Amino acid sequence: MRAISPIARYGIQLIEAVPKRGMDSTGTIVEYTDRKPVHAQFTQGGLTEWEQLEALENFDFSGLPEGVNPLTRVSVYDTEGAVAHLANPKERMALQALLDERLEHLSQLFPSEFRIVAKPAAEKPWPGYDNDPITKVLEIQEATGISPEKIRLYEMERPQPRATLIARMVELEQQGQEEQITVAV
């Protein structure tokens, strides 16, 4: 999940480290925590095209000096990137789910400070695409020259993506890149 903020380098605590009390080995009552707090530290740059549009449509940038691009103020936080350092896939998925849930909750409490931005759905390559078998998709793609990347991205978002079709589109994309390199040389 990704979130954007109109505040440069915005930060918010997502998970609190709740203090507990207990006795140490000497019998002294001490305060401790089971985990560290987790902070969402938004960073500037790296905005996708749809995040830029979302920021310009939904944030108030009044008060900026004339000539200053408001997008230079926008910062972004990505929960997937925040947990990428964890080696254990189960831990990574569990923490990301928790961060996503907290970020969603806090975005409702602080709507002027940051908002969740979902990636827009890929555009359907042509009207009857969903009902076309793989052979027909390949025929139409070859005949019309529709971008293999467009077909691949849409296919990957379908409820039941067709792996063989995705693999073929990847092959076509790679062939296209190789041809561009050959022509450039």
N, C-alpha and C. Protein backbone atom coordinates (compact mmCIF):
# COMPACT_ATOMS: atom_id res chain seq x y z
N MET A 1 0.84 -1.16 0.00
CA MET A 1 0.00 0.00 0.00
C MET A 1 0.89 1.24 0.00
N ARG A 2 0.47 2.23 -0.77
CA ARG A 2 1.23 3.48 -0.84
C ARG A 2 0.35 4.62 -0.37
N ALA A 3 0.99 5.59 0.27
CA ALA A 3 0.29 6.77 0.75
C ALA A 3 1.11 8.00 0.39
N ILE A 4 0.43 9.11 0.15
CA ILE A 4 1.12 10.36 -0.17
C ILE A 4 0.70 11.44 0.82
N SER A 5 1.58 12.41 1.01
CA SER A 5 1.31 13.51 1.93
C SER A 5 1.74 14.82 1.27
N PRO A 6 0.97 15.90 1.50
CA PRO A 6 1.40 17.20 0.97
C PRO A 6 2.51 17.82 1.82
N ILE A 7 2.87 17.15 2.90
CA ILE A 7 3.89 17.64 3.82
C ILE A 7 5.21 16.95 3.49
N ALA A 8 6.21 17.74 3.18
CA ALA A 8 7.53 17.18 2.86
C ALA A 8 8.06 16.43 4.07
N ARG A 9 8.56 15.20 3.82
CA ARG A 9 9.14 14.36 4.86
C ARG A 9 8.19 14.14 6.04
N TYR A 10 6.94 13.90 5.75
CA TYR A 10 5.93 13.65 6.78
C TYR A 10 6.24 12.34 7.50
N GLY A 11 5.90 12.26 8.77
CA GLY A 11 6.09 11.03 9.52
C GLY A 11 4.96 10.85 10.52
N ILE A 12 4.61 9.60 10.76
CA ILE A 12 3.56 9.27 11.73
C ILE A 12 3.87 7.90 12.32
N GLN A 13 3.56 7.74 13.61
CA GLN A 13 3.77 6.45 14.26
C GLN A 13 2.62 5.53 13.91
N LEU A 14 2.94 4.37 13.34
CA LEU A 14 1.91 3.40 12.97
C LEU A 14 1.65 2.39 14.08
N ILE A 15 2.71 1.93 14.71
CA ILE A 15 2.57 0.93 15.77
C ILE A 15 3.29 1.44 17.01
N GLU A 16 2.54 1.49 18.08
CA GLU A 16 3.06 1.98 19.35
C GLU A 16 3.79 0.87 20.09
N ALA A 17 4.83 1.24 20.80
CA ALA A 17 5.52 0.28 21.67
C ALA A 17 4.93 0.46 23.06
N VAL A 18 4.01 -0.40 23.42
CA VAL A 18 3.30 -0.28 24.69
C VAL A 18 4.23 -0.69 25.83
N PRO A 19 4.46 0.23 26.79
CA PRO A 19 5.34 -0.12 27.91
C PRO A 19 4.66 -1.11 28.86
N LYS A 20 5.45 -2.02 29.38
CA LYS A 20 4.98 -2.99 30.36
C LYS A 20 5.88 -2.90 31.58
N ARG A 21 5.38 -3.41 32.69
CA ARG A 21 6.19 -3.41 33.91
C ARG A 21 6.38 -4.85 34.37
N GLY A 22 7.57 -5.09 34.90
CA GLY A 22 7.88 -6.41 35.42
C GLY A 22 9.13 -6.34 36.27
N MET A 23 9.50 -7.45 36.85
CA MET A 23 10.69 -7.49 37.70
C MET A 23 11.88 -8.00 36.92
N ASP A 24 13.03 -7.38 37.18
CA ASP A 24 14.26 -7.88 36.58
C ASP A 24 14.88 -8.92 37.51
N SER A 25 16.07 -9.38 37.21
CA SER A 25 16.71 -10.45 37.97
C SER A 25 17.06 -10.05 39.40
N THR A 26 17.12 -8.74 39.67
CA THR A 26 17.45 -8.28 41.03
C THR A 26 16.20 -8.02 41.86
N GLY A 27 15.02 -8.18 41.25
CA GLY A 27 13.78 -7.94 41.97
C GLY A 27 13.27 -6.52 41.86
N THR A 28 13.96 -5.71 41.07
CA THR A 28 13.55 -4.33 40.86
C THR A 28 12.49 -4.28 39.77
N ILE A 29 11.48 -3.47 40.01
CA ILE A 29 10.43 -3.32 39.00
C ILE A 29 10.97 -2.39 37.91
N VAL A 30 10.90 -2.89 36.67
CA VAL A 30 11.40 -2.13 35.51
C VAL A 30 10.31 -2.03 34.46
N GLU A 31 10.47 -1.04 33.60
CA GLU A 31 9.55 -0.86 32.48
C GLU A 31 10.25 -1.33 31.22
N TYR A 32 9.51 -2.06 30.36
CA TYR A 32 10.09 -2.59 29.12
C TYR A 32 9.00 -2.66 28.06
N THR A 33 9.41 -2.93 26.83
CA THR A 33 8.46 -3.12 25.73
C THR A 33 8.81 -4.40 25.00
N ASP A 34 7.79 -5.05 24.45
CA ASP A 34 8.00 -6.28 23.70
C ASP A 34 8.49 -6.01 22.28
N ARG A 35 8.18 -4.82 21.77
CA ARG A 35 8.59 -4.49 20.40
C ARG A 35 8.89 -3.01 20.28
N LYS A 36 9.57 -2.69 19.21
CA LYS A 36 9.90 -1.30 18.93
C LYS A 36 8.71 -0.64 18.24
N PRO A 37 8.57 0.68 18.42
CA PRO A 37 7.51 1.36 17.67
C PRO A 37 7.86 1.36 16.18
N VAL A 38 6.84 1.44 15.34
CA VAL A 38 7.06 1.50 13.90
C VAL A 38 6.56 2.85 13.41
N HIS A 39 7.44 3.58 12.78
CA HIS A 39 7.11 4.90 12.25
C HIS A 39 7.05 4.84 10.73
N ALA A 40 6.09 5.52 10.16
CA ALA A 40 6.03 5.67 8.70
C ALA A 40 6.74 6.97 8.38
N GLN A 41 7.90 6.87 7.80
CA GLN A 41 8.65 8.07 7.41
C GLN A 41 8.50 8.26 5.90
N PHE A 42 7.71 9.24 5.52
CA PHE A 42 7.47 9.52 4.11
C PHE A 42 8.72 10.18 3.53
N THR A 43 9.01 9.87 2.27
CA THR A 43 10.17 10.46 1.61
C THR A 43 9.73 11.19 0.35
N GLN A 44 10.50 12.17 -0.01
CA GLN A 44 10.17 12.94 -1.21
C GLN A 44 10.73 12.23 -2.43
N GLY A 45 10.02 12.40 -3.54
CA GLY A 45 10.44 11.79 -4.79
C GLY A 45 9.85 10.40 -4.95
N GLY A 46 9.96 9.88 -6.16
CA GLY A 46 9.49 8.54 -6.44
C GLY A 46 7.98 8.43 -6.64
N LEU A 47 7.32 9.55 -6.88
CA LEU A 47 5.87 9.52 -7.10
C LEU A 47 5.56 8.94 -8.46
N THR A 48 4.56 8.08 -8.51
CA THR A 48 4.10 7.57 -9.80
C THR A 48 3.22 8.63 -10.46
N GLU A 49 2.92 8.41 -11.71
CA GLU A 49 2.08 9.37 -12.45
C GLU A 49 0.72 9.53 -11.80
N TRP A 50 0.09 8.41 -11.40
CA TRP A 50 -1.24 8.51 -10.79
C TRP A 50 -1.18 9.15 -9.40
N GLU A 51 -0.06 9.00 -8.69
CA GLU A 51 0.09 9.67 -7.39
C GLU A 51 0.24 11.17 -7.57
N GLN A 52 0.94 11.57 -8.60
CA GLN A 52 1.06 13.00 -8.88
C GLN A 52 -0.30 13.61 -9.17
N LEU A 53 -1.09 12.94 -10.00
CA LEU A 53 -2.44 13.43 -10.31
C LEU A 53 -3.31 13.49 -9.06
N GLU A 54 -3.25 12.46 -8.24
CA GLU A 54 -4.01 12.41 -6.99
C GLU A 54 -3.63 13.58 -6.08
N ALA A 55 -2.35 13.86 -5.98
CA ALA A 55 -1.88 14.96 -5.12
C ALA A 55 -2.40 16.30 -5.63
N LEU A 56 -2.27 16.53 -6.93
CA LEU A 56 -2.70 17.81 -7.50
C LEU A 56 -4.22 18.00 -7.38
N GLU A 57 -4.98 16.91 -7.48
CA GLU A 57 -6.43 17.00 -7.40
C GLU A 57 -6.96 17.13 -5.98
N ASN A 58 -6.23 16.60 -4.98
CA ASN A 58 -6.80 16.48 -3.64
C ASN A 58 -6.11 17.27 -2.54
N PHE A 59 -4.93 17.79 -2.77
CA PHE A 59 -4.24 18.54 -1.72
C PHE A 59 -4.31 20.03 -1.99
N ASP A 60 -4.34 20.80 -0.91
CA ASP A 60 -4.35 22.26 -1.01
C ASP A 60 -2.92 22.75 -0.86
N PHE A 61 -2.40 23.33 -1.89
CA PHE A 61 -1.03 23.84 -1.87
C PHE A 61 -0.99 25.36 -1.77
N SER A 62 -2.05 25.95 -1.22
CA SER A 62 -2.07 27.41 -1.10
C SER A 62 -0.95 27.84 -0.15
N GLY A 63 -0.40 28.98 -0.41
CA GLY A 63 0.68 29.49 0.43
C GLY A 63 2.06 29.21 -0.13
N LEU A 64 2.14 28.40 -1.19
CA LEU A 64 3.45 28.17 -1.80
C LEU A 64 3.84 29.39 -2.61
N PRO A 65 5.10 29.77 -2.59
CA PRO A 65 5.54 30.90 -3.41
C PRO A 65 5.27 30.64 -4.89
N GLU A 66 5.05 31.70 -5.61
CA GLU A 66 4.79 31.58 -7.04
C GLU A 66 5.99 30.94 -7.73
N GLY A 67 5.70 30.04 -8.65
CA GLY A 67 6.76 29.39 -9.41
C GLY A 67 7.27 28.10 -8.78
N VAL A 68 6.81 27.78 -7.57
CA VAL A 68 7.24 26.53 -6.91
C VAL A 68 6.29 25.41 -7.32
N ASN A 69 6.85 24.35 -7.85
CA ASN A 69 6.05 23.19 -8.24
C ASN A 69 5.54 22.50 -6.98
N PRO A 70 4.23 22.41 -6.78
CA PRO A 70 3.71 21.80 -5.56
C PRO A 70 4.13 20.34 -5.38
N LEU A 71 4.43 19.65 -6.47
CA LEU A 71 4.82 18.25 -6.36
C LEU A 71 6.17 18.07 -5.66
N THR A 72 6.95 19.15 -5.58
CA THR A 72 8.23 19.05 -4.87
C THR A 72 8.01 18.94 -3.37
N ARG A 73 6.81 19.24 -2.89
CA ARG A 73 6.47 19.16 -1.47
C ARG A 73 5.91 17.79 -1.09
N VAL A 74 5.41 17.05 -2.06
CA VAL A 74 4.71 15.79 -1.79
C VAL A 74 5.70 14.69 -1.42
N SER A 75 5.35 13.94 -0.37
CA SER A 75 6.18 12.81 0.04
C SER A 75 5.35 11.53 -0.02
N VAL A 76 6.04 10.39 -0.05
CA VAL A 76 5.37 9.10 -0.26
C VAL A 76 5.89 8.06 0.73
N TYR A 77 5.01 7.13 1.11
CA TYR A 77 5.37 6.01 1.98
C TYR A 77 4.82 4.73 1.36
N ASP A 78 5.64 3.70 1.32
CA ASP A 78 5.26 2.42 0.72
C ASP A 78 5.46 1.31 1.76
N THR A 79 4.36 0.66 2.17
CA THR A 79 4.48 -0.38 3.20
C THR A 79 5.27 -1.59 2.69
N GLU A 80 5.18 -1.88 1.41
CA GLU A 80 5.95 -3.01 0.86
C GLU A 80 7.44 -2.74 0.98
N GLY A 81 7.84 -1.52 0.68
CA GLY A 81 9.24 -1.15 0.81
C GLY A 81 9.69 -1.12 2.26
N ALA A 82 8.78 -0.78 3.16
CA ALA A 82 9.12 -0.69 4.58
C ALA A 82 9.43 -2.05 5.20
N VAL A 83 8.86 -3.12 4.65
CA VAL A 83 9.09 -4.45 5.21
C VAL A 83 10.05 -5.28 4.36
N ALA A 84 10.57 -4.72 3.30
CA ALA A 84 11.43 -5.47 2.37
C ALA A 84 12.68 -6.02 3.03
N HIS A 85 13.12 -5.39 4.10
CA HIS A 85 14.35 -5.83 4.78
C HIS A 85 14.18 -7.14 5.56
N LEU A 86 12.94 -7.54 5.82
CA LEU A 86 12.70 -8.77 6.58
C LEU A 86 12.94 -9.99 5.70
N ALA A 87 13.74 -10.93 6.19
CA ALA A 87 14.08 -12.11 5.39
C ALA A 87 12.97 -13.15 5.40
N ASN A 88 12.24 -13.27 6.49
CA ASN A 88 11.21 -14.28 6.62
C ASN A 88 9.93 -13.80 5.91
N PRO A 89 9.50 -14.51 4.85
CA PRO A 89 8.32 -14.07 4.09
C PRO A 89 7.04 -13.98 4.93
N LYS A 90 6.87 -14.89 5.88
CA LYS A 90 5.67 -14.84 6.73
C LYS A 90 5.68 -13.60 7.62
N GLU A 91 6.83 -13.29 8.20
CA GLU A 91 6.95 -12.08 9.02
C GLU A 91 6.68 -10.84 8.17
N ARG A 92 7.26 -10.85 6.98
CA ARG A 92 7.12 -9.70 6.07
C ARG A 92 5.65 -9.48 5.72
N MET A 93 4.94 -10.55 5.38
CA MET A 93 3.53 -10.43 5.01
C MET A 93 2.68 -9.99 6.20
N ALA A 94 2.96 -10.55 7.37
CA ALA A 94 2.19 -10.21 8.58
C ALA A 94 2.39 -8.74 8.95
N LEU A 95 3.64 -8.29 8.94
CA LEU A 95 3.91 -6.90 9.29
C LEU A 95 3.32 -5.96 8.26
N GLN A 96 3.42 -6.30 6.98
CA GLN A 96 2.85 -5.44 5.95
C GLN A 96 1.34 -5.34 6.10
N ALA A 97 0.68 -6.44 6.41
CA ALA A 97 -0.78 -6.41 6.62
C ALA A 97 -1.13 -5.51 7.80
N LEU A 98 -0.34 -5.58 8.87
CA LEU A 98 -0.57 -4.74 10.04
C LEU A 98 -0.34 -3.26 9.70
N LEU A 99 0.74 -2.99 8.97
CA LEU A 99 1.02 -1.60 8.57
C LEU A 99 -0.07 -1.06 7.66
N ASP A 100 -0.53 -1.88 6.71
CA ASP A 100 -1.61 -1.47 5.81
C ASP A 100 -2.87 -1.12 6.60
N GLU A 101 -3.20 -1.97 7.56
CA GLU A 101 -4.40 -1.76 8.37
C GLU A 101 -4.30 -0.46 9.18
N ARG A 102 -3.15 -0.25 9.81
CA ARG A 102 -2.95 0.97 10.61
C ARG A 102 -2.94 2.22 9.73
N LEU A 103 -2.29 2.13 8.58
CA LEU A 103 -2.22 3.27 7.67
C LEU A 103 -3.62 3.64 7.19
N GLU A 104 -4.41 2.64 6.87
CA GLU A 104 -5.79 2.86 6.43
C GLU A 104 -6.59 3.56 7.54
N HIS A 105 -6.47 3.06 8.75
CA HIS A 105 -7.19 3.65 9.89
C HIS A 105 -6.76 5.10 10.13
N LEU A 106 -5.45 5.33 10.16
CA LEU A 106 -4.95 6.68 10.44
C LEU A 106 -5.26 7.66 9.31
N SER A 107 -5.37 7.16 8.08
CA SER A 107 -5.70 8.06 6.96
C SER A 107 -7.11 8.63 7.12
N GLN A 108 -7.99 7.87 7.78
CA GLN A 108 -9.34 8.38 8.04
C GLN A 108 -9.33 9.42 9.16
N LEU A 109 -8.41 9.29 10.10
CA LEU A 109 -8.31 10.24 11.20
C LEU A 109 -7.61 11.54 10.79
N PHE A 110 -6.69 11.45 9.84
CA PHE A 110 -5.89 12.60 9.43
C PHE A 110 -5.95 12.79 7.91
N PRO A 111 -7.13 13.03 7.34
CA PRO A 111 -7.25 13.08 5.87
C PRO A 111 -6.50 14.24 5.21
N SER A 112 -6.25 15.31 5.93
CA SER A 112 -5.53 16.43 5.31
C SER A 112 -4.02 16.22 5.36
N GLU A 113 -3.56 15.25 6.15
CA GLU A 113 -2.12 15.04 6.30
C GLU A 113 -1.57 13.99 5.33
N PHE A 114 -2.37 12.97 5.03
CA PHE A 114 -1.94 11.99 4.03
C PHE A 114 -3.15 11.21 3.56
N ARG A 115 -2.99 10.56 2.41
CA ARG A 115 -4.07 9.74 1.86
C ARG A 115 -3.48 8.52 1.16
N ILE A 116 -4.27 7.44 1.19
CA ILE A 116 -3.89 6.19 0.52
C ILE A 116 -4.14 6.37 -0.97
N VAL A 117 -3.21 5.89 -1.77
CA VAL A 117 -3.36 5.99 -3.22
C VAL A 117 -3.26 4.59 -3.81
N ALA A 118 -4.34 4.16 -4.43
CA ALA A 118 -4.36 2.84 -5.06
C ALA A 118 -3.95 2.96 -6.52
N LYS A 119 -3.24 1.96 -6.98
CA LYS A 119 -2.85 1.92 -8.39
C LYS A 119 -4.12 1.71 -9.22
N PRO A 120 -4.31 2.53 -10.26
CA PRO A 120 -5.50 2.33 -11.08
C PRO A 120 -5.45 0.99 -11.82
N ALA A 121 -6.61 0.45 -12.06
CA ALA A 121 -6.69 -0.83 -12.76
C ALA A 121 -6.17 -0.68 -14.19
N ALA A 122 -5.55 -1.73 -14.68
CA ALA A 122 -5.06 -1.72 -16.06
C ALA A 122 -6.26 -1.67 -17.02
N GLU A 123 -6.06 -0.97 -18.12
CA GLU A 123 -7.12 -0.81 -19.11
C GLU A 123 -7.29 -2.10 -19.93
N LYS A 124 -8.54 -2.46 -20.18
CA LYS A 124 -8.84 -3.65 -20.97
C LYS A 124 -8.32 -3.42 -22.40
N PRO A 125 -7.56 -4.37 -22.96
CA PRO A 125 -6.98 -4.19 -24.29
C PRO A 125 -8.02 -3.94 -25.39
N TRP A 126 -9.15 -4.64 -25.37
CA TRP A 126 -10.25 -4.41 -26.33
C TRP A 126 -11.53 -4.93 -25.68
N PRO A 127 -12.69 -4.50 -26.18
CA PRO A 127 -13.96 -4.82 -25.51
C PRO A 127 -14.23 -6.29 -25.21
N GLY A 128 -13.98 -7.21 -26.12
CA GLY A 128 -14.31 -8.61 -25.90
C GLY A 128 -13.18 -9.43 -25.32
N TYR A 129 -12.14 -8.78 -24.85
CA TYR A 129 -10.91 -9.47 -24.41
C TYR A 129 -11.17 -10.59 -23.41
N ASP A 130 -11.97 -10.34 -22.40
CA ASP A 130 -12.17 -11.32 -21.33
C ASP A 130 -12.74 -12.64 -21.81
N ASN A 131 -13.48 -12.64 -22.91
CA ASN A 131 -14.08 -13.86 -23.42
C ASN A 131 -13.24 -14.56 -24.49
N ASP A 132 -12.17 -13.91 -24.92
CA ASP A 132 -11.33 -14.47 -25.98
C ASP A 132 -10.37 -15.53 -25.45
N PRO A 133 -10.26 -16.67 -26.16
CA PRO A 133 -9.27 -17.68 -25.77
C PRO A 133 -7.86 -17.17 -26.10
N ILE A 134 -6.87 -17.82 -25.55
CA ILE A 134 -5.48 -17.39 -25.72
C ILE A 134 -5.10 -17.27 -27.20
N THR A 135 -5.51 -18.24 -28.02
CA THR A 135 -5.14 -18.20 -29.44
C THR A 135 -5.70 -16.94 -30.12
N LYS A 136 -6.93 -16.58 -29.78
CA LYS A 136 -7.53 -15.39 -30.38
C LYS A 136 -6.83 -14.12 -29.88
N VAL A 137 -6.47 -14.10 -28.60
CA VAL A 137 -5.76 -12.94 -28.04
C VAL A 137 -4.45 -12.74 -28.80
N LEU A 138 -3.73 -13.84 -29.03
CA LEU A 138 -2.45 -13.76 -29.75
C LEU A 138 -2.65 -13.28 -31.19
N GLU A 139 -3.70 -13.78 -31.84
CA GLU A 139 -4.00 -13.35 -33.22
C GLU A 139 -4.32 -11.85 -33.26
N ILE A 140 -5.18 -11.40 -32.37
CA ILE A 140 -5.57 -9.98 -32.36
C ILE A 140 -4.38 -9.10 -32.03
N GLN A 141 -3.57 -9.53 -31.06
CA GLN A 141 -2.39 -8.74 -30.69
C GLN A 141 -1.46 -8.59 -31.88
N GLU A 142 -1.23 -9.67 -32.61
CA GLU A 142 -0.33 -9.62 -33.76
C GLU A 142 -0.92 -8.76 -34.88
N ALA A 143 -2.22 -8.90 -35.11
CA ALA A 143 -2.86 -8.16 -36.20
C ALA A 143 -2.96 -6.67 -35.92
N THR A 144 -3.20 -6.31 -34.66
CA THR A 144 -3.41 -4.89 -34.33
C THR A 144 -2.15 -4.20 -33.83
N GLY A 145 -1.18 -4.98 -33.33
CA GLY A 145 0.04 -4.39 -32.80
C GLY A 145 -0.14 -3.80 -31.41
N ILE A 146 -1.21 -4.19 -30.72
CA ILE A 146 -1.41 -3.71 -29.35
C ILE A 146 -0.21 -4.13 -28.51
N SER A 147 0.20 -3.25 -27.65
CA SER A 147 1.38 -3.47 -26.82
C SER A 147 1.25 -4.75 -25.99
N PRO A 148 2.25 -5.63 -26.06
CA PRO A 148 2.23 -6.84 -25.23
C PRO A 148 2.22 -6.48 -23.73
N GLU A 149 2.85 -5.35 -23.40
CA GLU A 149 2.86 -4.92 -22.00
C GLU A 149 1.44 -4.60 -21.51
N LYS A 150 0.65 -3.95 -22.36
CA LYS A 150 -0.73 -3.62 -22.00
C LYS A 150 -1.53 -4.89 -21.75
N ILE A 151 -1.36 -5.88 -22.59
CA ILE A 151 -2.07 -7.15 -22.43
C ILE A 151 -1.59 -7.86 -21.16
N ARG A 152 -0.28 -7.88 -20.95
CA ARG A 152 0.28 -8.56 -19.78
C ARG A 152 -0.22 -7.93 -18.48
N LEU A 153 -0.18 -6.61 -18.41
CA LEU A 153 -0.61 -5.92 -17.19
C LEU A 153 -2.08 -6.18 -16.90
N TYR A 154 -2.91 -6.15 -17.93
CA TYR A 154 -4.33 -6.41 -17.73
C TYR A 154 -4.55 -7.86 -17.32
N GLU A 155 -3.87 -8.77 -17.97
CA GLU A 155 -4.02 -10.20 -17.70
C GLU A 155 -3.61 -10.53 -16.26
N MET A 156 -2.57 -9.89 -15.77
CA MET A 156 -2.10 -10.15 -14.41
C MET A 156 -3.11 -9.71 -13.36
N GLU A 157 -3.99 -8.78 -13.68
CA GLU A 157 -4.98 -8.30 -12.72
C GLU A 157 -6.29 -9.07 -12.77
N ARG A 158 -6.44 -9.94 -13.75
CA ARG A 158 -7.68 -10.72 -13.85
C ARG A 158 -7.79 -11.67 -12.66
N PRO A 159 -9.03 -12.05 -12.30
CA PRO A 159 -9.21 -12.99 -11.18
C PRO A 159 -8.47 -14.31 -11.38
N GLN A 160 -8.44 -14.80 -12.62
CA GLN A 160 -7.70 -16.02 -12.92
C GLN A 160 -6.79 -15.76 -14.12
N PRO A 161 -5.60 -15.19 -13.84
CA PRO A 161 -4.69 -14.88 -14.94
C PRO A 161 -4.20 -16.13 -15.66
N ARG A 162 -4.03 -16.00 -16.97
CA ARG A 162 -3.56 -17.13 -17.78
C ARG A 162 -2.04 -17.04 -17.91
N ALA A 163 -1.36 -17.92 -17.17
CA ALA A 163 0.10 -17.88 -17.08
C ALA A 163 0.78 -18.01 -18.44
N THR A 164 0.25 -18.87 -19.31
CA THR A 164 0.89 -19.05 -20.62
C THR A 164 0.79 -17.77 -21.45
N LEU A 165 -0.32 -17.07 -21.34
CA LEU A 165 -0.48 -15.81 -22.08
C LEU A 165 0.46 -14.74 -21.52
N ILE A 166 0.58 -14.68 -20.22
CA ILE A 166 1.50 -13.72 -19.59
C ILE A 166 2.93 -14.00 -20.04
N ALA A 167 3.32 -15.28 -20.03
CA ALA A 167 4.68 -15.65 -20.45
C ALA A 167 4.93 -15.26 -21.90
N ARG A 168 3.94 -15.47 -22.76
CA ARG A 168 4.09 -15.10 -24.18
C ARG A 168 4.24 -13.60 -24.35
N MET A 169 3.48 -12.82 -23.57
CA MET A 169 3.57 -11.36 -23.66
C MET A 169 4.94 -10.88 -23.18
N VAL A 170 5.48 -11.52 -22.15
CA VAL A 170 6.83 -11.18 -21.67
C VAL A 170 7.84 -11.45 -22.77
N GLU A 171 7.70 -12.59 -23.47
CA GLU A 171 8.60 -12.91 -24.58
C GLU A 171 8.53 -11.84 -25.66
N LEU A 172 7.31 -11.43 -26.01
CA LEU A 172 7.13 -10.40 -27.05
C LEU A 172 7.73 -9.07 -26.61
N GLU A 173 7.58 -8.74 -25.34
CA GLU A 173 8.16 -7.50 -24.82
C GLU A 173 9.69 -7.55 -24.94
N GLN A 174 10.29 -8.68 -24.57
CA GLN A 174 11.74 -8.82 -24.64
C GLN A 174 12.23 -8.77 -26.08
N GLN A 175 11.49 -9.39 -27.00
CA GLN A 175 11.86 -9.33 -28.41
C GLN A 175 11.82 -7.89 -28.91
N GLY A 176 10.82 -7.16 -28.49
CA GLY A 176 10.70 -5.75 -28.88
C GLY A 176 11.86 -4.92 -28.36
N GLN A 177 12.29 -5.20 -27.14
CA GLN A 177 13.43 -4.48 -26.56
C GLN A 177 14.71 -4.82 -27.30
N GLU A 178 14.89 -6.08 -27.65
CA GLU A 178 16.08 -6.50 -28.39
C GLU A 178 16.12 -5.85 -29.76
N GLU A 179 14.95 -5.74 -30.41
CA GLU A 179 14.91 -5.11 -31.73
C GLU A 179 15.25 -3.63 -31.63
N GLN A 180 14.81 -2.96 -30.56
CA GLN A 180 15.13 -1.55 -30.36
C GLN A 180 16.63 -1.36 -30.17
N ILE A 181 17.25 -2.27 -29.43
CA ILE A 181 18.69 -2.18 -29.21
C ILE A 181 19.43 -2.38 -30.51
N THR A 182 19.01 -3.34 -31.31
CA THR A 182 19.64 -3.63 -32.59
C THR A 182 19.53 -2.43 -33.52
N VAL A 183 18.38 -1.80 -33.57
CA VAL A 183 18.16 -0.65 -34.44
C VAL A 183 19.02 0.52 -33.96
N ALA A 184 19.15 0.71 -32.66
CA ALA A 184 19.92 1.82 -32.10
C ALA A 184 21.41 1.68 -32.38
N VAL A 185 21.89 0.44 -32.48
CA VAL A 185 23.33 0.21 -32.69
C VAL A 185 23.61 0.45 -34.13
